[in-house]
Amino acid sequence: MAFGIIIIGDEILSGKRNDKHLAKIIELLSERGLSLSWAEYLGDDPARITDTLRRTMNTSDIVFSCGGIGATPDDHTRQCAAAALGLPLVLHPEAREKIQERIVEMAKEAGKEVDLHAPDNLHRLKMGEFPVGAEIIPNSFNKIPGFAMRNAQGGAHYFVPGFPVMAAPMMAWALDTHHADLFHQIAHAEKSVIVHDGIESTLTPLMEALEAEFANVKVFSLPSVGDGNRRRHIELGVKGEPDAVEHAYVKMLAG
């Protein structure tokens, strides 16, 4: 299974907000011995969101989707997920309960009487309208849940809010609750060296030879133009199965 993330919101693409989801999911996966295979950024475009979800929901990937699950006119993710699956949206009973709990809490904090049938409170229930068959993702920050959808290929999509303070613990919960069997299953090592004034074209034959000899190793080069504190250099390294990495690293240094 591959792990992916979809980050949704015009505010990310316009630069009004800096994305924090990508770094966080990489951190969460790394802590569990996993890694991210792909990431996509989308604006608040229903057609593009639907097309993307239709494609990713037809795989065995485990995907996190951040943003667009609210109930304002620029929130489209819930509707797009339903459209991608060809399913109707319905008010999830547990989501209704959690949203109403939050409404009551907010009223008490403000010292006001609560009317759950007031138009604004009825509108808030739209945040609990998910595709038929959805599972709830609990939200420890304000109780407004996200939702998960699974498919026949063994894949799963976890839909969480665009607020990092909410999304991060919800993504961690999804991993720990549903995918703990995948944690630390693949041993991984990485070793690298700094090659000052290195030239990639000169190093390429060595890199190709290492990958040809060690099937369980990937070779990488990360060039830097340098700055006032460090001259131009390349970080040259190997990563993959630990024993193979050790042998490849020795050969790389010799090369």
Protein backbone atom coordinates (compact mmCIF):
# COMPACT_ATOMS: atom_id res chain seq x y z
CA MET A 1 0.00 0.00 0.00
CA ALA A 2 1.18 3.53 -0.78
CA PHE A 3 0.43 6.57 1.36
CA GLY A 4 -0.67 9.80 -0.28
CA ILE A 5 -2.03 13.19 0.69
CA ILE A 6 -4.36 15.63 -1.08
CA ILE A 7 -4.25 19.21 0.19
CA ILE A 8 -7.21 21.33 -0.86
CA GLY A 9 -7.76 25.07 -0.75
CA ASP A 10 -7.38 28.21 -2.86
CA GLU A 11 -5.69 29.85 0.12
CA ILE A 12 -2.78 27.41 -0.17
CA LEU A 13 -2.32 27.92 -3.91
CA SER A 14 -2.59 31.72 -3.64
CA GLY A 15 -0.08 31.90 -0.81
CA LYS A 16 -2.52 33.38 1.72
CA ARG A 17 -1.84 30.36 3.94
CA ASN A 18 1.32 28.30 4.19
CA ASP A 19 0.73 24.57 3.98
CA LYS A 20 1.64 22.64 7.13
CA HIS A 21 -0.07 19.35 6.26
CA LEU A 22 2.68 17.93 4.04
CA ALA A 23 5.43 18.25 6.63
CA LYS A 24 3.15 16.87 9.34
CA ILE A 25 2.07 13.74 7.48
CA ILE A 26 5.71 13.02 6.57
CA GLU A 27 6.56 13.31 10.28
CA LEU A 28 3.64 11.13 11.40
CA LEU A 29 4.48 8.42 8.87
CA SER A 30 8.20 8.50 9.63
CA GLU A 31 7.54 8.03 13.36
CA ARG A 32 5.72 4.81 12.45
CA GLY A 33 8.29 3.44 10.04
CA LEU A 34 6.29 4.51 6.98
CA SER A 35 6.82 6.99 4.17
CA LEU A 36 4.79 9.20 1.87
CA SER A 37 4.62 8.17 -1.78
CA TRP A 38 2.84 11.14 -3.32
CA ALA A 39 1.15 14.49 -2.67
CA GLU A 40 -1.23 16.66 -4.68
CA TYR A 41 -2.40 20.24 -4.17
CA LEU A 42 -5.83 21.32 -5.44
CA GLY A 43 -7.79 24.55 -5.41
CA ASP A 44 -11.46 24.83 -4.52
CA ASP A 45 -12.54 23.51 -7.93
CA PRO A 46 -15.31 20.88 -7.58
CA ALA A 47 -14.70 19.28 -10.97
CA ARG A 48 -10.97 18.88 -10.38
CA ILE A 49 -11.49 17.61 -6.82
CA THR A 50 -14.05 15.06 -8.03
CA ASP A 51 -11.81 13.85 -10.86
CA THR A 52 -8.86 13.49 -8.50
CA LEU A 53 -10.85 11.57 -5.91
CA ARG A 54 -12.40 9.33 -8.55
CA ARG A 55 -8.87 8.38 -9.63
CA THR A 56 -7.34 7.93 -6.17
CA MET A 57 -10.37 6.10 -4.77
CA ASN A 58 -9.87 3.43 -7.43
CA THR A 59 -6.52 2.35 -5.95
CA SER A 60 -5.28 0.49 -2.88
CA ASP A 61 -3.57 3.65 -1.59
CA ILE A 62 -4.15 5.05 1.87
CA VAL A 63 -4.92 8.72 1.29
CA PHE A 64 -5.38 11.72 3.56
CA SER A 65 -7.44 14.61 2.22
CA CYS A 66 -7.06 17.91 4.08
CA GLY A 67 -9.53 20.77 3.70
CA GLY A 68 -12.92 21.60 2.26
CA ILE A 69 -15.16 19.55 4.58
CA GLY A 70 -16.93 22.52 6.17
CA ALA A 71 -20.35 23.88 5.24
CA THR A 72 -19.54 27.20 3.54
CA PRO A 73 -19.95 27.77 -0.21
CA ASP A 74 -16.23 27.25 -0.86
CA ASP A 75 -16.19 23.84 0.85
CA HIS A 76 -16.69 21.10 -1.74
CA THR A 77 -14.83 18.01 -0.55
CA ARG A 78 -17.76 16.15 1.02
CA GLN A 79 -19.88 16.61 -2.08
CA CYS A 80 -16.99 15.72 -4.41
CA ALA A 81 -16.24 12.53 -2.50
CA ALA A 82 -19.88 11.48 -2.84
CA ALA A 83 -19.88 12.34 -6.55
CA ALA A 84 -16.65 10.42 -7.14
CA LEU A 85 -18.20 7.34 -5.54
CA GLY A 86 -21.65 7.78 -7.06
CA LEU A 87 -23.22 7.91 -3.60
CA PRO A 88 -25.65 10.32 -1.95
CA LEU A 89 -24.76 12.51 1.03
CA VAL A 90 -26.60 11.67 4.24
CA LEU A 91 -26.42 13.07 7.76
CA HIS A 92 -24.33 10.61 9.77
CA PRO A 93 -26.06 9.90 13.12
CA GLU A 94 -22.86 10.05 15.16
CA ALA A 95 -21.75 13.21 13.38
CA ARG A 96 -25.12 14.81 14.19
CA GLU A 97 -24.65 13.94 17.84
CA LYS A 98 -21.12 15.35 18.00
CA ILE A 99 -22.04 18.55 16.17
CA GLN A 100 -24.98 19.17 18.48
CA GLU A 101 -22.77 18.52 21.51
CA ARG A 102 -20.47 21.23 20.22
CA ILE A 103 -23.35 23.62 19.62
CA VAL A 104 -24.52 23.16 23.22
CA GLU A 105 -20.99 23.66 24.55
CA MET A 106 -20.55 26.87 22.58
CA ALA A 107 -23.87 28.21 23.85
CA LYS A 108 -22.92 27.47 27.45
CA GLU A 109 -19.55 29.14 27.03
CA ALA A 110 -21.32 32.24 25.70
CA GLY A 111 -23.95 32.12 28.48
CA LYS A 112 -26.79 31.75 25.98
CA GLU A 113 -29.78 29.49 25.62
CA VAL A 114 -29.45 27.00 22.78
CA ASP A 115 -32.04 26.24 20.13
CA LEU A 116 -30.91 23.22 18.13
CA HIS A 117 -33.61 23.92 15.57
CA ALA A 118 -32.47 27.47 14.84
CA PRO A 119 -31.55 27.94 11.16
CA ASP A 120 -27.85 28.49 11.85
CA ASN A 121 -27.64 25.36 14.00
CA LEU A 122 -29.47 23.29 11.41
CA HIS A 123 -27.01 24.57 8.82
CA ARG A 124 -24.09 23.40 11.01
CA LEU A 125 -25.40 19.85 10.66
CA LYS A 126 -24.34 19.92 7.01
CA MET A 127 -20.80 19.38 8.28
CA GLY A 128 -21.99 15.89 9.23
CA GLU A 129 -23.36 15.01 5.80
CA PHE A 130 -21.07 12.32 4.39
CA PRO A 131 -21.32 9.76 1.57
CA VAL A 132 -23.38 6.71 2.49
CA GLY A 133 -21.19 4.17 4.28
CA ALA A 134 -18.76 6.70 5.72
CA GLU A 135 -17.00 6.09 9.02
CA ILE A 136 -16.38 8.84 11.57
CA ILE A 137 -12.95 10.30 12.36
CA PRO A 138 -13.11 11.85 15.85
CA ASN A 139 -11.97 15.44 16.27
CA SER A 140 -10.43 16.02 19.70
CA PHE A 141 -10.19 19.77 19.12
CA ASN A 142 -13.85 20.74 18.68
CA LYS A 143 -15.76 17.45 18.19
CA ILE A 144 -16.73 18.22 14.56
CA PRO A 145 -15.78 14.88 12.93
CA GLY A 146 -14.12 14.03 9.68
CA PHE A 147 -14.97 10.92 7.71
CA ALA A 148 -13.36 7.90 6.10
CA MET A 149 -14.25 5.85 3.04
CA ARG A 150 -12.89 2.41 2.13
CA ASN A 151 -12.89 0.55 -1.17
CA ALA A 152 -12.77 -3.01 -2.47
CA GLN A 153 -9.06 -2.72 -3.32
CA GLY A 154 -8.19 -2.32 0.36
CA GLY A 155 -7.56 1.40 0.05
CA ALA A 156 -8.87 4.09 2.37
CA HIS A 157 -9.43 7.84 2.23
CA TYR A 158 -9.44 9.94 5.39
CA PHE A 159 -11.05 13.36 5.07
CA VAL A 160 -9.98 15.89 7.71
CA PRO A 161 -10.31 19.67 8.13
CA GLY A 162 -7.94 22.19 6.65
CA PHE A 163 -6.94 23.44 10.11
CA PRO A 164 -3.60 21.76 10.98
CA VAL A 165 -4.38 21.84 14.72
CA MET A 166 -7.34 19.55 14.00
CA ALA A 167 -6.00 17.60 11.04
CA ALA A 168 -2.77 16.39 12.65
CA PRO A 169 -4.30 14.46 15.58
CA MET A 170 -7.04 13.12 13.31
CA MET A 171 -4.48 11.74 10.83
CA ALA A 172 -2.49 10.24 13.72
CA TRP A 173 -5.68 8.62 15.06
CA ALA A 174 -6.45 7.11 11.66
CA LEU A 175 -2.97 5.62 11.37
CA ASP A 176 -2.91 4.24 14.91
CA THR A 177 -6.47 2.89 14.80
CA HIS A 178 -6.57 1.35 11.34
CA HIS A 179 -3.02 0.77 10.10
CA ALA A 180 -0.85 -0.19 13.07
CA ASP A 181 -0.22 -3.55 11.39
CA LEU A 182 1.88 -1.70 8.79
CA PHE A 183 4.15 0.09 11.25
CA HIS A 184 7.89 -0.63 11.11
CA GLN A 185 7.42 -3.56 8.73
CA ILE A 186 10.14 -2.54 6.30
CA ALA A 187 13.65 -1.96 7.64
CA HIS A 188 15.18 1.19 6.16
CA ALA A 189 18.53 2.94 6.37
CA GLU A 190 20.09 5.98 4.74
CA LYS A 191 23.71 7.12 4.62
CA SER A 192 25.21 10.03 2.74
CA VAL A 193 28.35 12.11 2.37
CA ILE A 194 28.97 15.72 1.35
CA VAL A 195 31.01 16.05 -1.86
CA HIS A 196 32.34 19.60 -2.03
CA ASP A 197 32.55 21.08 -5.52
CA GLY A 198 31.06 17.85 -6.87
CA ILE A 199 29.57 17.66 -10.35
CA GLU A 200 26.56 15.41 -10.92
CA SER A 201 27.60 14.41 -14.43
CA THR A 202 30.91 13.16 -13.03
CA LEU A 203 29.19 11.23 -10.23
CA THR A 204 26.46 9.70 -12.41
CA PRO A 205 28.44 6.64 -13.60
CA LEU A 206 29.18 5.75 -9.96
CA MET A 207 25.52 6.15 -9.05
CA GLU A 208 24.41 3.96 -11.95
CA ALA A 209 26.92 1.27 -11.05
CA LEU A 210 25.76 1.21 -7.41
CA GLU A 211 22.09 0.86 -8.37
CA ALA A 212 22.95 -1.89 -10.84
CA GLU A 213 24.89 -3.84 -8.21
CA PHE A 214 22.55 -3.35 -5.23
CA ALA A 215 18.93 -4.10 -6.13
CA ASN A 216 17.58 -3.03 -2.72
CA VAL A 217 19.26 0.37 -2.73
CA LYS A 218 18.38 3.73 -4.23
CA VAL A 219 21.14 6.25 -4.86
CA PHE A 220 20.41 9.95 -4.51
CA SER A 221 22.20 13.24 -5.10
CA LEU A 222 21.07 16.57 -3.66
CA PRO A 223 23.07 19.44 -5.18
CA SER A 224 23.43 22.81 -3.48
CA VAL A 225 24.76 25.99 -5.05
CA GLY A 226 26.18 26.96 -1.66
CA ASP A 227 25.93 30.20 0.28
CA GLY A 228 28.03 32.52 2.41
CA ASN A 229 28.67 29.75 4.92
CA ARG A 230 29.31 26.78 2.68
CA ARG A 231 30.70 26.31 -0.80
CA ARG A 232 28.99 24.44 -3.62
CA HIS A 233 28.47 20.76 -2.84
CA ILE A 234 26.42 17.61 -3.45
CA GLU A 235 24.97 15.38 -0.78
CA LEU A 236 25.52 11.93 -2.27
CA GLY A 237 23.84 9.00 -0.56
CA VAL A 238 22.26 5.58 -0.58
CA LYS A 239 19.04 4.41 1.06
CA GLY A 240 17.08 1.19 1.35
CA GLU A 241 17.57 -2.21 2.99
CA PRO A 242 20.06 -1.68 5.88
CA ASP A 243 22.61 -4.41 5.06
CA ALA A 244 22.68 -3.48 1.40
CA VAL A 245 23.04 0.20 2.32
CA GLU A 246 26.10 -0.54 4.44
CA HIS A 247 27.85 -2.35 1.58
CA ALA A 248 26.77 0.19 -1.01
CA TYR A 249 27.96 3.07 1.15
CA VAL A 250 31.45 1.58 1.45
CA LYS A 251 31.60 1.16 -2.33
CA MET A 252 30.26 4.66 -2.84
CA LEU A 253 32.98 6.18 -0.66
CA ALA A 254 35.62 4.19 -2.47
CA GLY A 255 34.21 5.30 -5.80
